[in-house]
Amino acid sequence: MRHRRSLLGLLTLAAIVATLLVCTASASAVGEGNTTSDAHNGTGDYEWMYQYMNTGWWVELHANDPEGVAALWWRWDGGAAASTGYSGVGGGDTDVYRSHWISVNRTTHANDGLHTLGTIARGYYRDWILFVWVYSLDTWPDWWSHYVWIDSRAPALSQSGADAAWHNAPVPIAFNAADPLSGVRVIQAAVDGAAPISQSYQVDSHRYGPATATMSYTFPAPADHSGDGVHTIVYHAYDWSYPFSSGVTEEHTCQVKIDTVAPVTTQAGGNSGVHDTPVTVTFSAYDPNPPNCSGVDYTQYQVDGGGWVTGGSVTIPAPPHTTVTHTVQYRSVDNAGNVEATNACEVQIGTDSVAPVTTVSGADDNWHNAPVTLTFSASDPAPNPSGVDYTEYQIDGGSWVHGTSCTVPAPADHSGDGVITVSYRSVDLGDNTEATKTCQVRIDTTGPTTTAAAAVTVKKGKKATFRFSFTDLSPASVALSPTATVKIVITKGAVTKKTLNVGERAAGAALVYRWKCSLKTGRYMWSVRATDLAGNPQAVSGTKRLTVKVK
C-alpha cells in the first residue's frame, strides 16, 4: 500500500511539472520563468550590430532568468555550441554576463564577410513539492542570433588620367575606389599638399556605400602658364567599416605634368649674305622655364613652302650658274605637344655664271729656232666669281694637259719645225668652262737654201746683174721663214773682196740685184748668203763666177 502511494505521488509531481510555465528563448519578451540571452559591447555601444566592423572587439554575452540562470553558451556561424564558462547553482544569478572577443584579421582578411553570433541559456525553476531547484523541463529555447559584419580590408583604389606624359591642356582624372563589403564612404585627393577635395557616398540612409565609386577631377592648365610644372596628388578612400578612422586606404600618389609654353628655336647659317657654295642652316632649340618644362621633342623645317621635315639642320645646294633666294621656315615641338610659332630665314645663292678669262704670254709672230715657253694667266670675273679651278692646254691637237705654262720644243733634227698651234682654256670653281683660245708658235731650226742663177760678166764701172733665189723648208717640205736677210759675197780665193747687203727678200722668188762694179778686172766668185727670220744661216750657198773686164 505504501509503494502504491509513492508511485501515485511521483505521477502527480510529473503532471504538475508539465503544466508549469517553462523557460523560453524569446529575445523580445522577458518575464518570470523565461530565460533570455543577448549580446552587446558592455558599454551600451551597439554600432557593431548595424554595420561592418574593421577591428576586433569585445562582446558581452548576457543571460537573464528571474529564477536563476543555469548555463550560458554561444556559437559562431551556426557551429557547435561553446560554453562561456558559466554554470550556475539553482536559484543563482538572475543576470549573467560573459565577455567574448571577436577577432578581425587585418593581415589575411580571413574572416571578412557576414557572420552570425548566437547565444542560448537555460534557467531553473522551483519544485514546490520537493522544494528543490531543478533545470527547466521545457524545450530548449531558440538560439538568439545577430548578424556580424566584418570588413578589415580598406577600399581598393586606382586612378586614370594621370600618367608619365607631359600635357599642355587640362587633364581629366578619375579616382576609382572599390569595396565589395561595407562600400565606399569617402574619396579624397590633395594637390601639392593643399587641402584635399573629397566626395562622400552612401546608399540611401543606410550605413553602407556603393561597392564602386568614382570621383572626377580635372587638373587645370592655365593659359598664363602659372600651372606649369610637375604636380603631386595624394589620394585615398574610406569605407563604411567601423570605426571610421580605421577603414582608410594607404596613401596613393600620382603626378600630373603641365607645360603650356612652346619651345624656342634659333638658327645659324641663314641671313648671311650671298653664297656660291652650299649653305648649311643649323637649328638649336630649347624649352624655356626649366624645370617646369617637358623638353624639346623635335625640330622641323621646310624649304620654299615644301613639306615639313624633321631634323636639326638643312643644307641648301649651290648649283652652277644660279642666282636665287630660298626661304627656310622652322619650328620646334616639345614633349607636351606645344608647337612653336613658325620662324623663317633666307639663304641667298649666287653661283658663278661667267667663265674665266685666260691670257697667254710668250706667243708672238716671230720665228724661233729654240724652244718657246708660253705662260697662261687666268682670272674669274664678276659677278659672283668662284675662282679659277684650273687651266689646261693642248699642243697641235694633242691631249689636254692641266698647267699654267707649256714649252713648245725645237728639236735639232728639225722635226718640230713649222707653225705650232697651242690651244688653251680655264675652268672656274662654278664649273664654267672658258671657250677655247689658240695661239701659234713658229719654230724654224732649218737654214735657207740659196741658189745663184748664173755667172755674171761685167765691165768695170758698169752695173752687174745678179740673179738668185732661196728657199726655207723643213725636212717635210713645210715652208718656214717667209723671208730672209740676203747678202751677196764676192771672193777671190779665200779673200772676201766685197759684201753686198741685198736686204730682206722673199723666199721662193726669182730675185735680181744690180750693183755698179768697182772691182778690178779679173775673175771672182760670188755667192748668195741668207739668214732666215729665226736667225738660221743658209744651209746651202749658191755660188757662181763673176768676171770683171776692162771698160
Protein backbone atom coordinates (compact mmCIF):
# COMPACT_ATOMS: atom_id res chain seq x y z
CA MET A 1 0.00 0.00 0.00
CA ARG A 2 2.94 2.31 0.84
CA HIS A 3 4.57 1.69 -2.56
CA ARG A 4 1.36 2.43 -4.35
CA ARG A 5 1.17 5.77 -2.58
CA SER A 6 4.72 6.66 -3.57
CA LEU A 7 4.11 5.90 -7.24
CA LEU A 8 0.96 7.97 -7.15
CA GLY A 9 2.91 10.87 -5.69
CA LEU A 10 5.53 10.74 -8.44
CA LEU A 11 2.93 10.70 -11.19
CA THR A 12 1.17 13.65 -9.62
CA LEU A 13 4.51 15.58 -9.42
CA ALA A 14 5.19 14.91 -13.11
CA ALA A 15 1.78 16.22 -14.09
CA ILE A 16 2.33 19.37 -12.05
CA VAL A 17 5.74 19.99 -13.61
CA ALA A 18 4.34 19.55 -17.13
CA THR A 19 1.79 22.25 -16.54
CA LEU A 20 4.26 24.84 -15.22
CA LEU A 21 5.40 27.74 -17.36
CA VAL A 22 8.72 26.79 -18.87
CA CYS A 23 11.80 28.87 -19.83
CA THR A 24 11.72 30.21 -23.40
CA ALA A 25 14.36 31.74 -25.69
CA SER A 26 12.35 34.74 -26.75
CA ALA A 27 14.54 37.84 -27.08
CA SER A 28 11.54 40.12 -27.38
CA ALA A 29 9.82 39.40 -24.07
CA VAL A 30 11.30 38.79 -20.65
CA GLY A 31 9.03 37.58 -17.93
CA GLU A 32 9.12 35.48 -14.84
CA GLY A 33 10.06 31.99 -15.65
CA ASN A 34 11.62 32.90 -19.03
CA THR A 35 15.32 32.64 -19.86
CA THR A 36 16.68 35.22 -22.36
CA SER A 37 20.10 35.91 -23.85
CA ASP A 38 21.63 38.62 -25.99
CA ALA A 39 25.00 40.29 -26.67
CA HIS A 40 26.36 43.87 -26.56
CA ASN A 41 29.70 45.51 -26.01
CA GLY A 42 29.20 46.07 -22.36
CA THR A 43 29.19 49.88 -22.66
CA GLY A 44 25.91 50.33 -24.42
CA ASP A 45 27.59 50.77 -27.85
CA TYR A 46 25.70 48.70 -30.37
CA GLU A 47 27.40 50.12 -33.57
CA TRP A 48 28.60 46.69 -34.47
CA MET A 49 25.05 45.43 -34.73
CA TYR A 50 24.27 47.77 -37.61
CA GLN A 51 27.36 47.94 -39.82
CA TYR A 52 30.66 46.38 -40.77
CA MET A 53 33.50 46.38 -38.27
CA ASN A 54 37.20 46.62 -39.20
CA THR A 55 38.85 45.90 -35.84
CA GLY A 56 38.39 43.22 -33.19
CA TRP A 57 36.06 44.00 -30.30
CA TRP A 58 34.70 42.58 -27.07
CA VAL A 59 31.07 41.48 -26.99
CA GLU A 60 29.33 40.93 -23.68
CA LEU A 61 27.04 37.86 -23.72
CA HIS A 62 24.03 38.30 -21.43
CA ALA A 63 21.52 35.80 -19.99
CA ASN A 64 18.52 36.56 -17.76
CA ASP A 65 16.12 34.40 -15.82
CA PRO A 66 14.15 35.66 -12.81
CA GLU A 67 14.52 32.24 -11.16
CA GLY A 68 18.24 31.98 -11.94
CA VAL A 69 20.40 31.20 -14.95
CA ALA A 70 21.62 27.65 -15.09
CA ALA A 71 24.04 27.89 -18.12
CA LEU A 72 25.09 30.26 -20.97
CA TRP A 73 26.50 29.14 -24.36
CA TRP A 74 27.49 30.79 -27.66
CA ARG A 75 28.14 29.66 -31.22
CA TRP A 76 29.64 31.18 -34.43
CA ASP A 77 28.05 30.84 -37.86
CA GLY A 78 25.72 28.04 -36.66
CA GLY A 79 28.57 25.86 -35.45
CA ALA A 80 28.76 23.76 -32.33
CA ALA A 81 27.73 25.41 -29.06
CA ALA A 82 30.60 26.50 -26.85
CA SER A 83 30.40 27.15 -23.15
CA THR A 84 31.06 30.61 -21.86
CA GLY A 85 32.36 29.03 -18.68
CA TYR A 86 29.29 29.83 -16.63
CA SER A 87 27.44 27.12 -14.73
CA GLY A 88 25.05 28.45 -12.10
CA VAL A 89 23.72 27.00 -8.86
CA GLY A 90 20.00 26.54 -8.50
CA GLY A 91 18.32 29.74 -7.60
CA GLY A 92 21.52 31.61 -8.50
CA ASP A 93 22.20 34.75 -10.57
CA THR A 94 19.28 36.10 -12.49
CA ASP A 95 21.55 38.17 -14.83
CA VAL A 96 24.73 36.62 -16.17
CA TYR A 97 27.39 38.47 -18.25
CA ARG A 98 30.30 36.88 -20.02
CA SER A 99 32.77 38.66 -22.34
CA HIS A 100 33.59 37.25 -25.80
CA TRP A 101 36.29 38.59 -28.18
CA ILE A 102 35.51 38.76 -31.88
CA SER A 103 38.78 38.88 -33.78
CA VAL A 104 39.43 40.60 -37.07
CA ASN A 105 42.47 39.57 -39.10
CA ARG A 106 43.68 42.75 -40.78
CA THR A 107 46.55 40.90 -42.43
CA THR A 108 44.94 37.95 -44.18
CA HIS A 109 41.38 39.27 -44.02
CA ALA A 110 40.40 35.63 -43.49
CA ASN A 111 37.21 36.31 -41.57
CA ASP A 112 35.88 39.20 -43.63
CA GLY A 113 32.24 38.97 -44.59
CA LEU A 114 28.87 38.24 -42.99
CA HIS A 115 28.71 36.04 -39.87
CA THR A 116 26.12 35.10 -37.20
CA LEU A 117 26.75 35.22 -33.47
CA GLY A 118 24.31 33.10 -31.43
CA THR A 119 23.66 32.82 -27.66
CA ILE A 120 21.47 30.44 -25.68
CA ALA A 121 20.80 29.98 -21.97
CA ARG A 122 18.84 27.65 -19.62
CA GLY A 123 17.31 28.61 -16.33
CA TYR A 124 15.97 26.93 -13.15
CA TYR A 125 12.50 26.54 -11.73
CA ARG A 126 11.40 25.79 -8.15
CA ASP A 127 9.96 22.42 -7.39
CA TRP A 128 7.38 23.38 -4.74
CA ILE A 129 6.64 19.80 -3.84
CA LEU A 130 10.22 18.69 -3.36
CA PHE A 131 11.40 22.17 -2.56
CA VAL A 132 14.44 21.92 -4.80
CA TRP A 133 15.80 23.88 -7.79
CA VAL A 134 15.90 21.89 -10.97
CA TYR A 135 16.60 22.57 -14.66
CA SER A 136 13.61 23.65 -16.60
CA LEU A 137 11.99 20.70 -18.24
CA ASP A 138 10.61 22.78 -21.05
CA THR A 139 12.00 22.64 -24.58
CA TRP A 140 15.36 24.33 -25.03
CA PRO A 141 14.84 27.96 -26.10
CA ASP A 142 15.85 29.04 -29.61
CA TRP A 143 19.27 30.46 -30.28
CA TRP A 144 19.38 34.22 -30.10
CA SER A 145 21.28 35.27 -33.26
CA HIS A 146 22.60 38.52 -34.65
CA TYR A 147 24.42 39.29 -37.89
CA VAL A 148 28.04 40.27 -37.59
CA TRP A 149 29.67 42.13 -40.49
CA ILE A 150 33.46 42.21 -40.73
CA ASP A 151 35.36 44.31 -43.29
CA SER A 152 39.06 44.55 -42.49
CA ARG A 153 40.19 45.42 -45.99
CA ALA A 154 40.41 49.06 -46.99
CA PRO A 155 38.94 50.04 -50.34
CA ALA A 156 40.92 49.23 -53.46
CA LEU A 157 41.98 52.46 -55.12
CA SER A 158 43.18 53.40 -58.59
CA GLN A 159 43.23 56.37 -60.89
CA SER A 160 43.22 57.01 -64.60
CA GLY A 161 44.33 60.11 -66.46
CA ALA A 162 47.46 61.00 -64.50
CA ASP A 163 50.41 59.47 -66.32
CA ALA A 164 54.09 60.00 -67.03
CA ALA A 165 53.40 62.16 -70.09
CA TRP A 166 53.50 65.94 -70.26
CA HIS A 167 50.29 67.81 -71.04
CA ASN A 168 49.52 71.25 -72.41
CA ALA A 169 45.76 71.12 -71.74
CA PRO A 170 43.57 70.30 -68.71
CA VAL A 171 43.91 66.66 -67.65
CA PRO A 172 40.73 64.77 -66.62
CA ILE A 173 41.49 62.38 -63.77
CA ALA A 174 39.19 59.69 -62.35
CA PHE A 175 39.87 58.37 -58.83
CA ASN A 176 38.25 54.94 -58.57
CA ALA A 177 37.51 53.16 -55.28
CA ALA A 178 36.03 49.69 -54.80
CA ASP A 179 34.85 47.99 -51.57
CA PRO A 180 32.55 45.00 -52.09
CA LEU A 181 31.72 44.67 -48.36
CA SER A 182 30.92 47.87 -46.49
CA GLY A 183 31.13 50.02 -49.61
CA VAL A 184 32.90 53.29 -50.39
CA ARG A 185 32.29 56.17 -47.96
CA VAL A 186 34.73 58.95 -48.99
CA ILE A 187 37.32 59.58 -51.74
CA GLN A 188 39.84 62.36 -51.11
CA ALA A 189 42.64 63.89 -53.18
CA ALA A 190 45.10 66.64 -52.26
CA VAL A 191 47.19 68.51 -54.85
CA ASP A 192 50.70 69.59 -53.84
CA GLY A 193 49.88 69.46 -50.12
CA ALA A 194 46.81 71.70 -50.34
CA ALA A 195 43.52 70.97 -48.59
CA PRO A 196 42.00 67.84 -50.11
CA ILE A 197 38.97 67.74 -52.29
CA SER A 198 36.56 64.99 -51.29
CA GLN A 199 33.35 63.31 -52.27
CA SER A 200 31.12 61.20 -49.97
CA TYR A 201 28.96 58.23 -50.87
CA GLN A 202 26.05 56.47 -49.11
CA VAL A 203 23.24 54.19 -50.21
CA ASP A 204 20.05 55.91 -49.13
CA SER A 205 20.38 56.43 -45.36
CA HIS A 206 21.98 53.08 -44.68
CA ARG A 207 25.35 52.61 -43.07
CA TYR A 208 26.99 51.33 -46.19
CA GLY A 209 28.02 52.74 -49.51
CA PRO A 210 28.25 51.66 -53.14
CA ALA A 211 30.59 48.83 -54.00
CA THR A 212 32.36 51.10 -56.52
CA ALA A 213 32.63 54.86 -56.76
CA THR A 214 34.47 57.38 -58.90
CA MET A 215 35.49 60.95 -58.10
CA SER A 216 36.26 63.02 -61.18
CA TYR A 217 38.67 65.92 -61.17
CA THR A 218 40.10 67.97 -63.99
CA PHE A 219 43.61 69.23 -63.42
CA PRO A 220 43.85 72.74 -64.90
CA ALA A 221 46.39 74.07 -67.39
CA PRO A 222 46.10 77.88 -67.10
CA ALA A 223 46.91 79.91 -70.20
CA ASP A 224 49.09 82.23 -68.11
CA HIS A 225 51.44 79.26 -67.52
CA SER A 226 51.03 79.57 -63.75
CA GLY A 227 50.23 75.87 -63.50
CA ASP A 228 53.29 74.65 -65.38
CA GLY A 229 55.43 72.06 -63.63
CA VAL A 230 55.28 68.63 -62.03
CA HIS A 231 52.44 68.27 -59.51
CA THR A 232 51.93 65.54 -56.93
CA ILE A 233 48.46 64.33 -55.99
CA VAL A 234 47.97 62.30 -52.81
CA TYR A 235 44.68 60.40 -52.74
CA HIS A 236 42.94 57.79 -50.56
CA ALA A 237 39.48 56.43 -49.78
CA TYR A 238 37.48 55.42 -46.68
CA ASP A 239 34.92 52.63 -46.49
CA TRP A 240 31.92 52.29 -44.20
CA SER A 241 33.53 49.86 -41.76
CA TYR A 242 33.62 50.92 -38.09
CA PRO A 243 35.44 52.66 -36.58
CA PHE A 244 35.69 55.07 -39.47
CA SER A 245 39.28 56.08 -38.70
CA SER A 246 40.49 52.55 -39.46
CA GLY A 247 38.75 51.89 -42.75
CA VAL A 248 41.06 54.04 -44.89
CA THR A 249 43.41 53.12 -47.70
CA GLU A 250 47.09 53.76 -47.58
CA GLU A 251 48.10 56.96 -49.32
CA HIS A 252 48.47 56.71 -53.07
CA THR A 253 50.30 59.24 -55.18
CA CYS A 254 50.34 60.21 -58.82
CA GLN A 255 51.85 63.02 -60.81
CA VAL A 256 50.50 65.42 -63.39
CA LYS A 257 52.97 67.25 -65.63
CA ILE A 258 51.81 70.53 -67.17
CA ASP A 259 53.74 72.50 -69.78
CA THR A 260 51.93 75.23 -71.71
CA VAL A 261 54.98 77.12 -73.03
CA ALA A 262 56.22 76.37 -76.56
CA PRO A 263 59.94 75.82 -77.21
CA VAL A 264 62.22 78.44 -78.78
CA THR A 265 64.38 77.75 -81.85
CA THR A 266 67.30 79.74 -83.23
CA GLN A 267 69.24 79.23 -86.45
CA ALA A 268 72.76 79.71 -87.68
CA GLY A 269 73.74 79.92 -91.35
CA GLY A 270 70.75 81.79 -92.73
CA ASN A 271 70.51 85.55 -93.38
CA SER A 272 74.25 85.61 -94.01
CA GLY A 273 74.61 87.15 -97.44
CA VAL A 274 75.16 85.64 -100.86
CA HIS A 275 76.87 82.26 -101.13
CA ASP A 276 78.33 80.45 -104.09
CA THR A 277 78.80 77.20 -102.17
CA PRO A 278 76.25 75.03 -100.34
CA VAL A 279 74.93 76.60 -97.12
CA THR A 280 74.06 74.56 -94.01
CA VAL A 281 71.45 76.07 -91.72
CA THR A 282 71.66 74.61 -88.20
CA PHE A 283 68.78 74.81 -85.72
CA SER A 284 69.14 74.98 -81.94
CA ALA A 285 66.05 74.58 -79.75
CA TYR A 286 65.37 74.78 -76.03
CA ASP A 287 62.29 74.64 -73.82
CA PRO A 288 62.06 77.70 -71.56
CA ASN A 289 61.04 77.88 -67.91
CA PRO A 290 63.03 74.93 -66.54
CA PRO A 291 62.40 72.78 -64.61
CA ASN A 292 58.71 73.31 -65.33
CA CYS A 293 59.05 72.22 -68.91
CA SER A 294 58.82 68.99 -70.84
CA GLY A 295 61.89 69.44 -73.06
CA VAL A 296 62.19 69.63 -76.83
CA ASP A 297 60.81 66.65 -78.69
CA TYR A 298 61.86 67.53 -82.25
CA THR A 299 62.61 70.37 -84.66
CA GLN A 300 61.27 70.54 -88.18
CA TYR A 301 61.85 72.75 -91.22
CA GLN A 302 60.57 73.35 -94.72
CA VAL A 303 62.28 74.97 -97.71
CA ASP A 304 60.36 77.25 -100.05
CA GLY A 305 56.98 76.01 -98.81
CA GLY A 306 57.71 72.32 -99.25
CA GLY A 307 56.73 69.61 -96.80
CA TRP A 308 57.83 69.73 -93.19
CA VAL A 309 60.93 67.65 -92.47
CA THR A 310 62.18 66.66 -89.02
CA GLY A 311 65.84 67.44 -88.44
CA GLY A 312 68.38 69.66 -86.76
CA SER A 313 69.90 71.11 -89.93
CA VAL A 314 69.36 71.51 -93.65
CA THR A 315 71.89 72.09 -96.43
CA ILE A 316 70.90 74.36 -99.30
CA PRO A 317 72.74 73.38 -102.51
CA ALA A 318 74.51 75.87 -104.74
CA PRO A 319 74.26 74.54 -108.29
CA PRO A 320 76.30 76.23 -111.01
CA HIS A 321 75.02 79.30 -112.83
CA THR A 322 72.32 80.01 -110.20
CA THR A 323 71.08 83.20 -108.57
CA VAL A 324 68.19 82.51 -106.17
CA THR A 325 66.92 83.31 -102.66
CA HIS A 326 65.48 80.40 -100.64
CA THR A 327 63.14 80.80 -97.66
CA VAL A 328 63.69 78.33 -94.82
CA GLN A 329 60.93 78.04 -92.21
CA TYR A 330 61.50 76.22 -88.95
CA ARG A 331 59.86 75.44 -85.61
CA SER A 332 60.11 73.03 -82.69
CA VAL A 333 57.66 70.91 -80.72
CA ASP A 334 58.12 69.96 -77.07
CA ASN A 335 57.15 66.75 -75.27
CA ALA A 336 53.86 68.29 -74.16
CA GLY A 337 52.83 68.92 -77.76
CA ASN A 338 53.34 72.71 -77.71
CA VAL A 339 54.15 73.85 -81.25
CA GLU A 340 56.33 76.91 -81.64
CA ALA A 341 55.21 79.73 -83.93
CA THR A 342 56.93 79.35 -87.30
CA ASN A 343 60.21 81.22 -87.78
CA ALA A 344 61.90 81.99 -91.09
CA CYS A 345 65.29 82.91 -92.54
CA GLU A 346 66.67 83.43 -96.03
CA VAL A 347 69.53 81.74 -97.84
CA GLN A 348 70.86 83.58 -100.88
CA ILE A 349 72.65 81.56 -103.53
CA GLY A 350 74.64 83.35 -106.22
CA THR A 351 76.91 80.97 -108.04
CA ASP A 352 79.38 81.91 -110.77
CA SER A 353 77.77 82.08 -114.19
CA VAL A 354 80.66 83.74 -116.04
CA ALA A 355 83.55 81.70 -117.39
CA PRO A 356 87.11 82.66 -116.50
CA VAL A 357 89.39 84.59 -118.86
CA THR A 358 92.84 83.31 -119.78
CA THR A 359 95.69 85.24 -121.35
CA VAL A 360 98.97 83.94 -122.69
CA SER A 361 102.45 85.39 -122.74
CA GLY A 362 105.37 84.14 -124.82
CA ALA A 363 103.39 83.67 -128.00
CA ASP A 364 104.26 86.06 -130.91
CA ASP A 365 104.53 86.23 -134.66
CA ASN A 366 108.25 85.65 -134.67
CA TRP A 367 110.04 82.58 -135.83
CA HIS A 368 112.12 80.77 -133.27
CA ASN A 369 114.95 78.32 -133.57
CA ALA A 370 114.85 77.40 -129.86
CA PRO A 371 112.12 76.11 -127.54
CA VAL A 372 109.40 78.64 -126.68
CA THR A 373 107.74 78.75 -123.24
CA LEU A 374 104.18 80.01 -123.00
CA THR A 375 102.71 81.18 -119.70
CA PHE A 376 98.95 81.23 -119.05
CA SER A 377 97.27 83.61 -116.61
CA ALA A 378 93.56 83.14 -115.73
CA SER A 379 91.09 85.23 -113.74
CA ASP A 380 87.39 84.79 -112.85
CA PRO A 381 85.41 87.97 -113.47
CA ALA A 382 82.42 89.33 -111.57
CA PRO A 383 79.66 88.88 -110.64
CA ASN A 384 79.93 86.10 -108.03
CA PRO A 385 83.34 84.87 -109.09
CA SER A 386 84.01 81.40 -107.80
CA GLY A 387 87.71 81.43 -108.61
CA VAL A 388 89.75 79.61 -111.18
CA ASP A 389 89.83 75.89 -110.73
CA TYR A 390 92.41 75.00 -113.37
CA THR A 391 93.90 75.92 -116.75
CA GLU A 392 94.63 73.40 -119.48
CA TYR A 393 96.31 73.40 -122.87
CA GLN A 394 96.95 71.15 -125.85
CA ILE A 395 99.67 71.32 -128.49
CA ASP A 396 98.72 70.71 -132.11
CA GLY A 397 95.56 68.73 -131.20
CA GLY A 398 97.20 66.52 -128.66
CA SER A 399 95.78 65.63 -125.25
CA TRP A 400 94.63 68.33 -122.89
CA VAL A 401 97.11 68.91 -120.09
CA HIS A 402 96.49 70.86 -116.87
CA GLY A 403 99.04 73.56 -116.33
CA THR A 404 99.78 77.25 -116.32
CA SER A 405 102.70 77.01 -118.73
CA CYS A 406 103.97 74.88 -121.55
CA THR A 407 107.09 74.70 -123.68
CA VAL A 408 106.98 74.21 -127.43
CA PRO A 409 110.14 72.25 -128.32
CA ALA A 410 112.58 72.96 -131.15
CA PRO A 411 114.26 69.62 -131.87
CA ALA A 412 117.69 69.70 -133.52
CA ASP A 413 116.53 67.20 -136.08
CA HIS A 414 114.11 69.86 -137.33
CA SER A 415 111.13 67.54 -136.74
CA GLY A 416 109.35 70.26 -134.83
CA ASP A 417 109.73 72.96 -137.47
CA GLY A 418 106.61 74.71 -138.59
CA VAL A 419 103.73 76.73 -137.22
CA ILE A 420 102.57 75.09 -133.96
CA THR A 421 99.03 75.75 -132.71
CA VAL A 422 98.56 75.81 -128.94
CA SER A 423 95.00 75.70 -127.59
CA TYR A 424 94.21 76.77 -124.03
CA ARG A 425 91.28 77.44 -121.70
CA SER A 426 90.39 77.65 -118.00
CA VAL A 427 87.58 76.28 -115.81
CA ASP A 428 86.33 78.00 -112.64
CA LEU A 429 85.01 76.54 -109.40
CA GLY A 430 81.48 77.24 -110.57
CA ASP A 431 82.04 74.72 -113.35
CA ASN A 432 82.12 77.41 -116.03
CA THR A 433 84.44 76.45 -118.91
CA GLU A 434 86.05 79.13 -120.97
CA ALA A 435 85.77 78.99 -124.75
CA THR A 436 88.94 77.53 -126.24
CA LYS A 437 91.53 80.03 -127.33
CA THR A 438 94.54 79.45 -129.62
CA CYS A 439 97.90 80.93 -130.28
CA GLN A 440 100.70 79.99 -132.67
CA VAL A 441 104.35 79.37 -132.12
CA ARG A 442 106.65 79.43 -135.17
CA ILE A 443 109.61 77.07 -134.98
CA ASP A 444 112.33 77.17 -137.60
CA THR A 445 115.57 75.36 -136.94
CA THR A 446 116.41 74.87 -140.64
CA GLY A 447 118.60 77.38 -142.55
CA PRO A 448 117.64 78.63 -146.03
CA THR A 449 118.97 77.09 -149.22
CA THR A 450 120.24 79.71 -151.68
CA THR A 451 120.78 79.42 -155.44
CA ALA A 452 122.89 81.63 -157.75
CA ALA A 453 121.18 81.54 -161.12
CA ALA A 454 124.13 82.18 -163.48
CA ALA A 455 127.67 83.52 -163.84
CA VAL A 456 127.96 87.28 -164.18
CA THR A 457 130.26 89.26 -166.55
CA VAL A 458 130.54 92.97 -166.10
CA LYS A 459 132.83 95.81 -167.23
CA LYS A 460 134.48 97.72 -164.57
CA GLY A 461 132.39 100.70 -163.62
CA LYS A 462 129.24 99.20 -165.03
CA LYS A 463 126.32 97.55 -163.24
CA ALA A 464 126.43 93.83 -162.67
CA THR A 465 123.16 91.92 -162.52
CA PHE A 466 122.95 89.09 -160.01
CA ARG A 467 120.07 86.63 -160.34
CA PHE A 468 119.38 84.28 -157.44
CA SER A 469 116.73 82.71 -155.19
CA PHE A 470 116.42 80.93 -151.87
CA THR A 471 114.01 78.63 -150.02
CA ASP A 472 113.41 77.87 -146.34
CA LEU A 473 111.72 74.49 -146.00
CA SER A 474 111.56 71.92 -143.27
CA PRO A 475 112.58 68.34 -143.92
CA ALA A 476 108.90 67.70 -144.54
CA SER A 477 108.87 70.49 -147.12
CA VAL A 478 106.87 72.78 -144.88
CA ALA A 479 107.54 76.43 -145.65
CA LEU A 480 109.26 78.12 -142.79
CA SER A 481 110.52 81.68 -142.62
CA PRO A 482 108.88 83.54 -145.49
CA THR A 483 111.72 86.00 -145.81
CA ALA A 484 115.41 86.17 -145.12
CA THR A 485 118.12 88.77 -144.99
CA VAL A 486 120.25 88.27 -148.11
CA LYS A 487 123.87 89.15 -148.82
CA ILE A 488 125.99 88.64 -151.93
CA VAL A 489 129.56 87.90 -151.07
CA ILE A 490 132.29 88.31 -153.72
CA THR A 491 135.51 86.49 -153.04
CA LYS A 492 138.82 85.96 -154.77
CA GLY A 493 140.32 82.82 -153.46
CA ALA A 494 139.80 82.82 -149.76
CA VAL A 495 139.63 86.57 -149.54
CA THR A 496 136.29 88.38 -149.44
CA LYS A 497 136.52 91.32 -151.79
CA LYS A 498 133.06 92.71 -151.47
CA THR A 499 129.86 92.07 -149.46
CA LEU A 500 126.68 93.40 -150.95
CA ASN A 501 123.79 93.79 -148.45
CA VAL A 502 120.79 92.94 -150.55
CA GLY A 503 118.37 93.19 -147.62
CA GLU A 504 115.26 91.22 -146.82
CA ARG A 505 113.88 89.21 -149.61
CA ALA A 506 111.02 86.74 -150.03
CA ALA A 507 111.75 83.08 -150.05
CA GLY A 508 110.94 81.10 -153.18
CA ALA A 509 111.01 84.07 -155.55
CA ALA A 510 113.36 84.78 -158.51
CA LEU A 511 115.41 87.64 -157.19
CA VAL A 512 117.59 90.19 -159.02
CA TYR A 513 120.12 92.54 -157.56
CA ARG A 514 122.16 95.13 -159.62
CA TRP A 515 125.39 96.58 -158.42
CA LYS A 516 127.83 99.07 -160.04
CA CYS A 517 131.06 97.12 -160.18
CA SER A 518 134.07 98.81 -158.63
CA LEU A 519 136.30 95.79 -158.58
CA LYS A 520 139.49 95.46 -160.51
CA THR A 521 139.38 93.42 -163.63
CA GLY A 522 139.74 89.79 -163.02
CA ARG A 523 137.87 86.68 -162.09
CA TYR A 524 135.94 86.35 -158.85
CA MET A 525 133.34 84.08 -157.26
CA TRP A 526 130.03 85.41 -156.00
CA SER A 527 127.73 83.53 -153.60
CA VAL A 528 124.32 84.17 -152.05
CA ARG A 529 124.15 84.21 -148.24
CA ALA A 530 120.75 84.26 -146.42
CA THR A 531 119.73 84.35 -142.75
CA ASP A 532 116.10 83.48 -142.09
CA LEU A 533 113.78 85.10 -139.59
CA ALA A 534 114.72 82.60 -136.92
CA GLY A 535 118.38 83.53 -137.29
CA ASN A 536 119.35 80.40 -139.13
CA PRO A 537 122.05 80.98 -141.82
CA GLN A 538 121.74 79.27 -145.13
CA ALA A 539 122.48 75.64 -145.06
CA VAL A 540 123.48 75.57 -148.73
CA SER A 541 125.03 78.57 -150.52
CA GLY A 542 124.67 79.02 -154.27
CA THR A 543 127.97 80.20 -155.90
CA LYS A 544 128.80 81.39 -159.47
CA ARG A 545 131.71 83.11 -161.31
CA LEU A 546 131.96 86.86 -161.57
CA THR A 547 134.17 88.23 -164.41
CA VAL A 548 135.16 91.87 -164.41
CA LYS A 549 136.52 93.25 -167.74
CA VAL A 550 138.24 96.35 -168.80
CA LYS A 551 135.98 99.28 -169.63
